[in-house]
Amino acid sequence: MKIGLLSDTHGWIHPRLFDHFAECDEIWHAGDIGNIETADKLAGFKPLRAVYGNIDNRLIRSIYTENLIFMAEETRVWLTHIGGTPGHYDRKVFPAISENPPDLFICGHSHIARIMYDKKAGFLYMNPGAAGYNGFHRFMTAIRFQIDGKSIHDLELIELGERAKIILQDY
């Protein structure tokens, strides 16, 4: 199963994402989608699993949940927007991920891409950074990876370009 992972699009999809995710089976969005048109465009391209983020409106919140826990192959995945970082997980998720940890914990919100195995928690942590141009991040990023049973492999951090250059091109 090939996954395209992104977060923090804030209502804008980088056109190159469609090339990068062309071979993916699903797209997972870790919140701050921005508007329903963005979600619909992604869902029209590939099956979409998504959660809402803190900037998402009532319509998006009526369709997507705050937390999504599911099985991908034999891998238990927890997808949320505000999750914190290893050693500093958000208080809303910490008790549950401590009591019943997933195999893969994914969040967004920070706009900082990070992938690491959290030895203490016992799971792989992923934050794809921000794929949109709104925010303080310098580079727009996403992640592509594969899941085979319980194996997560072929992780690729995708740099979509400098945010400032995109903003300047819009004017």
N, C-alpha and C. Protein backbone atom coordinates (compact mmCIF):
# COMPACT_ATOMS: atom_id res chain seq x y z
N MET A 1 0.85 -1.17 0.00
CA MET A 1 0.00 0.00 0.00
C MET A 1 0.90 1.24 0.00
N LYS A 2 0.76 2.08 -1.01
CA LYS A 2 1.54 3.32 -1.12
C LYS A 2 0.69 4.49 -0.64
N ILE A 3 1.30 5.30 0.23
CA ILE A 3 0.59 6.40 0.87
C ILE A 3 1.25 7.73 0.52
N GLY A 4 0.42 8.72 0.20
CA GLY A 4 0.86 10.10 0.08
C GLY A 4 0.33 10.83 1.30
N LEU A 5 1.21 11.42 2.08
CA LEU A 5 0.85 12.07 3.35
C LEU A 5 1.14 13.57 3.28
N LEU A 6 0.15 14.37 3.66
CA LEU A 6 0.34 15.80 3.70
C LEU A 6 -0.45 16.41 4.84
N SER A 7 -0.19 17.67 5.09
CA SER A 7 -0.88 18.40 6.14
C SER A 7 -0.80 19.88 5.82
N ASP A 8 -1.64 20.64 6.48
CA ASP A 8 -1.56 22.09 6.44
C ASP A 8 -1.52 22.66 5.02
N THR A 9 -2.49 22.23 4.21
CA THR A 9 -2.62 22.80 2.88
C THR A 9 -3.28 24.17 2.93
N HIS A 10 -4.09 24.42 3.94
CA HIS A 10 -4.73 25.73 4.14
C HIS A 10 -5.46 26.22 2.88
N GLY A 11 -6.10 25.28 2.19
CA GLY A 11 -6.91 25.66 1.03
C GLY A 11 -6.17 25.76 -0.28
N TRP A 12 -4.95 25.25 -0.34
CA TRP A 12 -4.17 25.32 -1.58
C TRP A 12 -3.39 24.03 -1.77
N ILE A 13 -3.42 23.49 -2.96
CA ILE A 13 -2.69 22.26 -3.28
C ILE A 13 -1.61 22.58 -4.29
N HIS A 14 -0.39 22.24 -3.94
CA HIS A 14 0.72 22.43 -4.88
C HIS A 14 0.48 21.52 -6.08
N PRO A 15 0.53 22.03 -7.31
CA PRO A 15 0.23 21.21 -8.49
C PRO A 15 1.13 19.99 -8.64
N ARG A 16 2.37 20.06 -8.15
CA ARG A 16 3.28 18.91 -8.27
C ARG A 16 2.91 17.75 -7.36
N LEU A 17 2.04 18.00 -6.37
CA LEU A 17 1.62 16.90 -5.49
C LEU A 17 0.95 15.79 -6.30
N PHE A 18 0.22 16.15 -7.33
CA PHE A 18 -0.47 15.14 -8.13
C PHE A 18 0.52 14.22 -8.84
N ASP A 19 1.66 14.74 -9.26
CA ASP A 19 2.71 13.90 -9.85
C ASP A 19 3.34 13.02 -8.78
N HIS A 20 3.65 13.61 -7.63
CA HIS A 20 4.30 12.86 -6.56
C HIS A 20 3.40 11.75 -6.01
N PHE A 21 2.10 11.97 -6.01
CA PHE A 21 1.16 11.00 -5.45
C PHE A 21 0.48 10.15 -6.51
N ALA A 22 0.93 10.22 -7.75
CA ALA A 22 0.29 9.48 -8.85
C ALA A 22 0.27 7.97 -8.62
N GLU A 23 1.31 7.41 -8.04
CA GLU A 23 1.40 5.97 -7.82
C GLU A 23 0.86 5.55 -6.45
N CYS A 24 0.37 6.49 -5.66
CA CYS A 24 -0.13 6.18 -4.32
C CYS A 24 -1.51 5.55 -4.40
N ASP A 25 -1.78 4.69 -3.43
CA ASP A 25 -3.10 4.07 -3.32
C ASP A 25 -4.08 4.96 -2.57
N GLU A 26 -3.56 5.71 -1.59
CA GLU A 26 -4.39 6.60 -0.79
C GLU A 26 -3.61 7.86 -0.47
N ILE A 27 -4.36 8.94 -0.16
CA ILE A 27 -3.79 10.17 0.37
C ILE A 27 -4.32 10.33 1.78
N TRP A 28 -3.42 10.64 2.71
CA TRP A 28 -3.80 10.93 4.08
C TRP A 28 -3.47 12.39 4.37
N HIS A 29 -4.43 13.10 4.94
CA HIS A 29 -4.26 14.53 5.23
C HIS A 29 -4.39 14.73 6.73
N ALA A 30 -3.35 15.28 7.36
CA ALA A 30 -3.31 15.45 8.81
C ALA A 30 -3.80 16.82 9.25
N GLY A 31 -4.85 17.33 8.62
CA GLY A 31 -5.55 18.51 9.11
C GLY A 31 -5.09 19.85 8.59
N ASP A 32 -5.91 20.86 8.88
CA ASP A 32 -5.82 22.19 8.30
C ASP A 32 -5.92 22.08 6.78
N ILE A 33 -7.00 21.44 6.38
CA ILE A 33 -7.30 21.26 4.95
C ILE A 33 -7.54 22.63 4.32
N GLY A 34 -8.33 23.46 4.98
CA GLY A 34 -8.54 24.83 4.54
C GLY A 34 -9.91 25.10 3.95
N ASN A 35 -10.38 24.22 3.10
CA ASN A 35 -11.73 24.37 2.54
C ASN A 35 -12.16 23.04 1.93
N ILE A 36 -13.45 22.92 1.71
CA ILE A 36 -13.99 21.65 1.21
C ILE A 36 -13.54 21.37 -0.22
N GLU A 37 -13.30 22.42 -1.00
CA GLU A 37 -12.83 22.22 -2.37
C GLU A 37 -11.48 21.50 -2.41
N THR A 38 -10.61 21.83 -1.47
CA THR A 38 -9.31 21.16 -1.39
C THR A 38 -9.50 19.68 -1.07
N ALA A 39 -10.34 19.37 -0.10
CA ALA A 39 -10.61 17.98 0.25
C ALA A 39 -11.23 17.24 -0.93
N ASP A 40 -12.18 17.87 -1.60
CA ASP A 40 -12.85 17.24 -2.75
C ASP A 40 -11.88 16.99 -3.90
N LYS A 41 -10.97 17.93 -4.13
CA LYS A 41 -9.99 17.76 -5.21
C LYS A 41 -9.07 16.58 -4.92
N LEU A 42 -8.62 16.47 -3.68
CA LEU A 42 -7.76 15.34 -3.29
C LEU A 42 -8.54 14.02 -3.36
N ALA A 43 -9.77 14.03 -2.85
CA ALA A 43 -10.60 12.82 -2.84
C ALA A 43 -10.99 12.40 -4.26
N GLY A 44 -11.07 13.34 -5.18
CA GLY A 44 -11.36 13.02 -6.57
C GLY A 44 -10.17 12.41 -7.28
N PHE A 45 -8.99 12.62 -6.74
CA PHE A 45 -7.75 12.10 -7.32
C PHE A 45 -7.43 10.70 -6.80
N LYS A 46 -7.50 10.51 -5.49
CA LYS A 46 -7.20 9.24 -4.81
C LYS A 46 -8.11 9.13 -3.60
N PRO A 47 -8.34 7.91 -3.11
CA PRO A 47 -9.09 7.79 -1.85
C PRO A 47 -8.40 8.62 -0.76
N LEU A 48 -9.20 9.37 -0.01
CA LEU A 48 -8.68 10.30 0.99
C LEU A 48 -9.11 9.90 2.39
N ARG A 49 -8.14 9.86 3.30
CA ARG A 49 -8.41 9.76 4.74
C ARG A 49 -7.89 11.07 5.32
N ALA A 50 -8.73 11.74 6.09
CA ALA A 50 -8.34 13.06 6.60
C ALA A 50 -8.96 13.33 7.95
N VAL A 51 -8.34 14.26 8.66
CA VAL A 51 -8.86 14.78 9.92
C VAL A 51 -8.93 16.30 9.78
N TYR A 52 -9.76 16.92 10.61
CA TYR A 52 -9.81 18.37 10.56
C TYR A 52 -8.73 18.96 11.46
N GLY A 53 -8.36 20.20 11.15
CA GLY A 53 -7.39 20.93 11.95
C GLY A 53 -8.02 22.16 12.57
N ASN A 54 -7.22 22.90 13.29
CA ASN A 54 -7.73 24.04 14.04
C ASN A 54 -8.27 25.17 13.16
N ILE A 55 -7.86 25.27 11.90
CA ILE A 55 -8.38 26.34 11.04
C ILE A 55 -9.59 25.89 10.22
N ASP A 56 -9.93 24.62 10.28
CA ASP A 56 -11.00 24.09 9.43
C ASP A 56 -12.38 24.48 9.95
N ASN A 57 -13.27 24.79 9.02
CA ASN A 57 -14.61 25.29 9.36
C ASN A 57 -15.59 24.17 9.72
N ARG A 58 -16.82 24.57 10.00
CA ARG A 58 -17.86 23.61 10.41
C ARG A 58 -18.14 22.55 9.36
N LEU A 59 -18.13 22.93 8.10
CA LEU A 59 -18.41 21.97 7.04
C LEU A 59 -17.36 20.86 7.04
N ILE A 60 -16.10 21.22 7.08
CA ILE A 60 -15.03 20.21 7.11
C ILE A 60 -15.14 19.37 8.38
N ARG A 61 -15.44 20.02 9.50
CA ARG A 61 -15.57 19.30 10.79
C ARG A 61 -16.78 18.38 10.80
N SER A 62 -17.77 18.66 9.97
CA SER A 62 -18.94 17.77 9.90
C SER A 62 -18.66 16.52 9.06
N ILE A 63 -17.63 16.57 8.24
CA ILE A 63 -17.28 15.45 7.36
C ILE A 63 -16.12 14.64 7.92
N TYR A 64 -15.13 15.33 8.47
CA TYR A 64 -13.91 14.68 8.97
C TYR A 64 -13.86 14.80 10.50
N THR A 65 -13.21 13.84 11.15
CA THR A 65 -13.12 13.81 12.60
C THR A 65 -11.82 14.44 13.09
N GLU A 66 -11.73 14.65 14.38
CA GLU A 66 -10.50 15.20 14.97
C GLU A 66 -9.39 14.15 15.00
N ASN A 67 -9.77 12.91 15.27
CA ASN A 67 -8.84 11.79 15.32
C ASN A 67 -9.38 10.67 14.45
N LEU A 68 -8.50 10.01 13.75
CA LEU A 68 -8.89 8.88 12.91
C LEU A 68 -7.94 7.74 13.24
N ILE A 69 -8.49 6.66 13.76
CA ILE A 69 -7.70 5.48 14.11
C ILE A 69 -8.19 4.35 13.21
N PHE A 70 -7.27 3.74 12.48
CA PHE A 70 -7.66 2.74 11.50
C PHE A 70 -6.51 1.77 11.23
N MET A 71 -6.83 0.68 10.56
CA MET A 71 -5.82 -0.29 10.15
C MET A 71 -5.49 -0.07 8.69
N ALA A 72 -4.22 -0.03 8.38
CA ALA A 72 -3.71 0.00 7.01
C ALA A 72 -2.83 -1.23 6.90
N GLU A 73 -3.30 -2.20 6.11
CA GLU A 73 -2.66 -3.51 6.11
C GLU A 73 -2.75 -4.05 7.54
N GLU A 74 -1.62 -4.35 8.19
CA GLU A 74 -1.62 -4.83 9.58
C GLU A 74 -1.07 -3.76 10.53
N THR A 75 -1.05 -2.54 10.07
CA THR A 75 -0.49 -1.42 10.82
C THR A 75 -1.61 -0.56 11.40
N ARG A 76 -1.58 -0.38 12.72
CA ARG A 76 -2.57 0.47 13.38
C ARG A 76 -2.09 1.92 13.31
N VAL A 77 -2.90 2.77 12.69
CA VAL A 77 -2.54 4.15 12.43
C VAL A 77 -3.43 5.09 13.25
N TRP A 78 -2.82 6.12 13.81
CA TRP A 78 -3.55 7.19 14.48
C TRP A 78 -3.20 8.47 13.73
N LEU A 79 -4.22 9.12 13.17
CA LEU A 79 -4.06 10.36 12.41
C LEU A 79 -4.80 11.47 13.15
N THR A 80 -4.11 12.56 13.44
CA THR A 80 -4.70 13.72 14.10
C THR A 80 -3.99 14.97 13.63
N HIS A 81 -4.50 16.13 13.98
CA HIS A 81 -3.81 17.36 13.56
C HIS A 81 -2.85 17.83 14.64
N ILE A 82 -3.36 18.08 15.83
CA ILE A 82 -2.51 18.58 16.92
C ILE A 82 -2.13 17.39 17.80
N GLY A 83 -0.91 16.91 17.60
CA GLY A 83 -0.46 15.73 18.34
C GLY A 83 0.79 15.95 19.16
N GLY A 84 1.49 17.05 18.92
CA GLY A 84 2.74 17.28 19.64
C GLY A 84 3.91 16.61 18.96
N THR A 85 4.95 16.38 19.73
CA THR A 85 6.17 15.75 19.24
C THR A 85 6.64 14.70 20.23
N PRO A 86 7.48 13.78 19.81
CA PRO A 86 7.98 12.77 20.75
C PRO A 86 8.56 13.40 22.01
N GLY A 87 8.09 12.91 23.14
CA GLY A 87 8.47 13.44 24.45
C GLY A 87 7.62 14.62 24.89
N HIS A 88 6.83 15.16 23.96
CA HIS A 88 5.99 16.33 24.26
C HIS A 88 4.65 16.22 23.54
N TYR A 89 3.99 15.08 23.71
CA TYR A 89 2.71 14.88 23.02
C TYR A 89 1.63 15.76 23.64
N ASP A 90 0.68 16.16 22.81
CA ASP A 90 -0.42 17.00 23.25
C ASP A 90 -1.22 16.29 24.34
N ARG A 91 -1.68 17.06 25.31
CA ARG A 91 -2.41 16.48 26.45
C ARG A 91 -3.71 15.79 26.04
N LYS A 92 -4.27 16.16 24.90
CA LYS A 92 -5.53 15.54 24.44
C LYS A 92 -5.30 14.12 23.91
N VAL A 93 -4.09 13.82 23.42
CA VAL A 93 -3.82 12.48 22.87
C VAL A 93 -2.90 11.64 23.73
N PHE A 94 -2.13 12.29 24.59
CA PHE A 94 -1.12 11.56 25.37
C PHE A 94 -1.66 10.37 26.16
N PRO A 95 -2.74 10.53 26.93
CA PRO A 95 -3.22 9.38 27.70
C PRO A 95 -3.59 8.17 26.81
N ALA A 96 -4.26 8.44 25.71
CA ALA A 96 -4.71 7.35 24.84
C ALA A 96 -3.55 6.69 24.10
N ILE A 97 -2.58 7.48 23.60
CA ILE A 97 -1.47 6.86 22.88
C ILE A 97 -0.52 6.16 23.84
N SER A 98 -0.53 6.57 25.11
CA SER A 98 0.29 5.88 26.11
C SER A 98 -0.34 4.55 26.51
N GLU A 99 -1.65 4.55 26.65
CA GLU A 99 -2.37 3.35 27.07
C GLU A 99 -2.48 2.31 25.96
N ASN A 100 -2.71 2.77 24.76
CA ASN A 100 -2.91 1.87 23.63
C ASN A 100 -2.20 2.45 22.40
N PRO A 101 -0.86 2.36 22.37
CA PRO A 101 -0.12 3.03 21.30
C PRO A 101 -0.39 2.43 19.92
N PRO A 102 -0.44 3.30 18.92
CA PRO A 102 -0.56 2.81 17.55
C PRO A 102 0.81 2.32 17.07
N ASP A 103 0.85 1.79 15.87
CA ASP A 103 2.14 1.46 15.25
C ASP A 103 2.72 2.69 14.57
N LEU A 104 1.80 3.56 14.11
CA LEU A 104 2.18 4.76 13.38
C LEU A 104 1.33 5.92 13.89
N PHE A 105 1.97 6.96 14.40
CA PHE A 105 1.29 8.15 14.88
C PHE A 105 1.62 9.30 13.95
N ILE A 106 0.58 9.91 13.36
CA ILE A 106 0.75 11.00 12.39
C ILE A 106 0.01 12.23 12.87
N CYS A 107 0.70 13.37 12.80
CA CYS A 107 0.05 14.64 13.10
C CYS A 107 0.63 15.71 12.19
N GLY A 108 0.02 16.88 12.23
CA GLY A 108 0.48 18.03 11.46
C GLY A 108 0.69 19.19 12.41
N HIS A 109 0.16 20.35 12.05
CA HIS A 109 0.07 21.55 12.87
C HIS A 109 1.37 22.34 13.00
N SER A 110 2.50 21.72 13.21
CA SER A 110 3.73 22.46 13.48
C SER A 110 4.35 23.08 12.23
N HIS A 111 3.98 22.60 11.06
CA HIS A 111 4.56 23.01 9.78
C HIS A 111 6.03 22.58 9.68
N ILE A 112 6.46 21.67 10.53
CA ILE A 112 7.83 21.18 10.54
C ILE A 112 7.82 19.69 10.25
N ALA A 113 8.41 19.28 9.14
CA ALA A 113 8.47 17.86 8.78
C ALA A 113 9.39 17.12 9.75
N ARG A 114 8.92 15.97 10.19
CA ARG A 114 9.72 15.17 11.12
C ARG A 114 9.25 13.72 11.06
N ILE A 115 10.21 12.82 10.95
CA ILE A 115 9.94 11.38 10.98
C ILE A 115 10.95 10.78 11.95
N MET A 116 10.44 10.06 12.94
CA MET A 116 11.35 9.40 13.87
C MET A 116 10.65 8.26 14.61
N TYR A 117 11.42 7.28 15.00
CA TYR A 117 10.87 6.21 15.82
C TYR A 117 10.97 6.66 17.27
N ASP A 118 9.83 6.71 17.96
CA ASP A 118 9.80 7.08 19.37
C ASP A 118 9.96 5.80 20.18
N LYS A 119 11.17 5.53 20.64
CA LYS A 119 11.46 4.30 21.38
C LYS A 119 10.65 4.21 22.67
N LYS A 120 10.51 5.32 23.36
CA LYS A 120 9.78 5.32 24.63
C LYS A 120 8.30 4.99 24.42
N ALA A 121 7.69 5.59 23.40
CA ALA A 121 6.27 5.34 23.12
C ALA A 121 6.06 4.04 22.35
N GLY A 122 7.06 3.62 21.59
CA GLY A 122 6.98 2.37 20.86
C GLY A 122 6.27 2.46 19.52
N PHE A 123 6.37 3.62 18.87
CA PHE A 123 5.76 3.74 17.54
C PHE A 123 6.55 4.70 16.66
N LEU A 124 6.25 4.63 15.36
CA LEU A 124 6.84 5.55 14.40
C LEU A 124 6.02 6.83 14.40
N TYR A 125 6.69 7.96 14.48
CA TYR A 125 6.07 9.28 14.50
C TYR A 125 6.33 9.96 13.16
N MET A 126 5.28 10.53 12.58
CA MET A 126 5.44 11.28 11.33
C MET A 126 4.67 12.59 11.40
N ASN A 127 5.31 13.64 10.92
CA ASN A 127 4.66 14.92 10.68
C ASN A 127 5.15 15.35 9.30
N PRO A 128 4.24 15.48 8.33
CA PRO A 128 4.68 15.80 6.97
C PRO A 128 5.06 17.26 6.75
N GLY A 129 4.98 18.09 7.78
CA GLY A 129 5.24 19.51 7.59
C GLY A 129 4.02 20.17 6.95
N ALA A 130 4.22 21.21 6.18
CA ALA A 130 3.12 21.93 5.56
C ALA A 130 3.26 21.87 4.04
N ALA A 131 2.19 21.43 3.37
CA ALA A 131 2.20 21.36 1.91
C ALA A 131 1.67 22.64 1.28
N GLY A 132 1.00 23.47 2.06
CA GLY A 132 0.46 24.73 1.54
C GLY A 132 1.44 25.87 1.70
N TYR A 133 1.06 27.04 1.22
CA TYR A 133 1.97 28.18 1.31
C TYR A 133 1.66 29.13 2.45
N ASN A 134 0.55 28.94 3.17
CA ASN A 134 0.25 29.81 4.32
C ASN A 134 0.98 29.31 5.56
N GLY A 135 1.65 30.20 6.26
CA GLY A 135 2.33 29.82 7.49
C GLY A 135 3.73 30.38 7.53
N PHE A 136 4.50 29.94 8.50
CA PHE A 136 5.84 30.47 8.73
C PHE A 136 6.93 29.57 8.16
N HIS A 137 6.59 28.40 7.66
CA HIS A 137 7.58 27.46 7.15
C HIS A 137 8.27 28.02 5.91
N ARG A 138 9.49 27.60 5.68
CA ARG A 138 10.23 28.06 4.51
C ARG A 138 9.97 27.17 3.30
N PHE A 139 9.97 25.84 3.52
CA PHE A 139 9.77 24.89 2.43
C PHE A 139 8.45 24.15 2.59
N MET A 140 7.76 23.94 1.50
CA MET A 140 6.54 23.13 1.49
C MET A 140 6.96 21.67 1.35
N THR A 141 6.36 20.81 2.18
CA THR A 141 6.77 19.41 2.20
C THR A 141 5.58 18.46 2.28
N ALA A 142 5.84 17.22 1.91
CA ALA A 142 4.89 16.12 2.03
C ALA A 142 5.74 14.86 2.19
N ILE A 143 5.09 13.74 2.44
CA ILE A 143 5.79 12.46 2.62
C ILE A 143 5.12 11.40 1.76
N ARG A 144 5.93 10.52 1.25
CA ARG A 144 5.42 9.35 0.53
C ARG A 144 6.09 8.12 1.16
N PHE A 145 5.30 7.05 1.37
CA PHE A 145 5.86 5.84 1.98
C PHE A 145 4.99 4.65 1.63
N GLN A 146 5.48 3.47 2.00
CA GLN A 146 4.74 2.23 1.75
C GLN A 146 4.50 1.49 3.05
N ILE A 147 3.38 0.78 3.08
CA ILE A 147 3.05 -0.12 4.18
C ILE A 147 2.82 -1.50 3.58
N ASP A 148 3.54 -2.48 4.09
CA ASP A 148 3.34 -3.89 3.73
C ASP A 148 3.16 -4.65 5.03
N GLY A 149 1.94 -5.05 5.32
CA GLY A 149 1.67 -5.72 6.59
C GLY A 149 1.96 -4.78 7.74
N LYS A 150 2.97 -5.13 8.55
CA LYS A 150 3.38 -4.26 9.66
C LYS A 150 4.63 -3.44 9.31
N SER A 151 5.14 -3.63 8.12
CA SER A 151 6.36 -2.96 7.70
C SER A 151 6.05 -1.61 7.04
N ILE A 152 6.70 -0.57 7.54
CA ILE A 152 6.61 0.77 6.96
C ILE A 152 7.98 1.07 6.36
N HIS A 153 8.01 1.32 5.06
CA HIS A 153 9.31 1.48 4.40
C HIS A 153 9.23 2.43 3.22
N ASP A 154 10.37 2.63 2.58
CA ASP A 154 10.51 3.53 1.42
C ASP A 154 9.97 4.92 1.72
N LEU A 155 10.32 5.43 2.89
CA LEU A 155 9.90 6.78 3.30
C LEU A 155 10.65 7.82 2.48
N GLU A 156 9.91 8.76 1.93
CA GLU A 156 10.51 9.84 1.16
C GLU A 156 9.93 11.17 1.62
N LEU A 157 10.80 12.09 1.99
CA LEU A 157 10.37 13.45 2.28
C LEU A 157 10.42 14.21 0.96
N ILE A 158 9.30 14.78 0.58
CA ILE A 158 9.19 15.49 -0.69
C ILE A 158 9.23 16.99 -0.42
N GLU A 159 10.19 17.68 -1.01
CA GLU A 159 10.24 19.13 -0.93
C GLU A 159 9.57 19.68 -2.18
N LEU A 160 8.53 20.48 -1.97
CA LEU A 160 7.76 21.03 -3.07
C LEU A 160 8.23 22.41 -3.50
N GLY A 161 9.18 22.96 -2.79
CA GLY A 161 9.72 24.27 -3.14
C GLY A 161 9.63 25.25 -1.99
N GLU A 162 10.21 26.40 -2.21
CA GLU A 162 10.19 27.45 -1.20
C GLU A 162 8.85 28.16 -1.21
N ARG A 163 8.30 28.34 -0.05
CA ARG A 163 7.00 28.98 0.12
C ARG A 163 7.03 30.41 -0.41
N ALA A 164 8.07 31.16 -0.12
CA ALA A 164 8.15 32.56 -0.53
C ALA A 164 8.10 32.70 -2.05
N LYS A 165 8.71 31.79 -2.77
CA LYS A 165 8.70 31.87 -4.23
C LYS A 165 7.29 31.66 -4.78
N ILE A 166 6.52 30.78 -4.16
CA ILE A 166 5.14 30.55 -4.59
C ILE A 166 4.31 31.80 -4.34
N ILE A 167 4.48 32.39 -3.16
CA ILE A 167 3.71 33.59 -2.82
C ILE A 167 4.01 34.72 -3.80
N LEU A 168 5.29 34.91 -4.13
CA LEU A 168 5.67 35.98 -5.05
C LEU A 168 5.12 35.73 -6.46
N GLN A 169 5.03 34.47 -6.86
CA GLN A 169 4.51 34.15 -8.18
C GLN A 169 3.03 34.43 -8.29
N ASP A 170 2.32 34.44 -7.17
CA ASP A 170 0.88 34.67 -7.17
C ASP A 170 0.53 36.14 -7.44
N TYR A 171 1.48 37.05 -7.29
CA TYR A 171 1.19 38.47 -7.43
C TYR A 171 1.66 39.01 -8.77
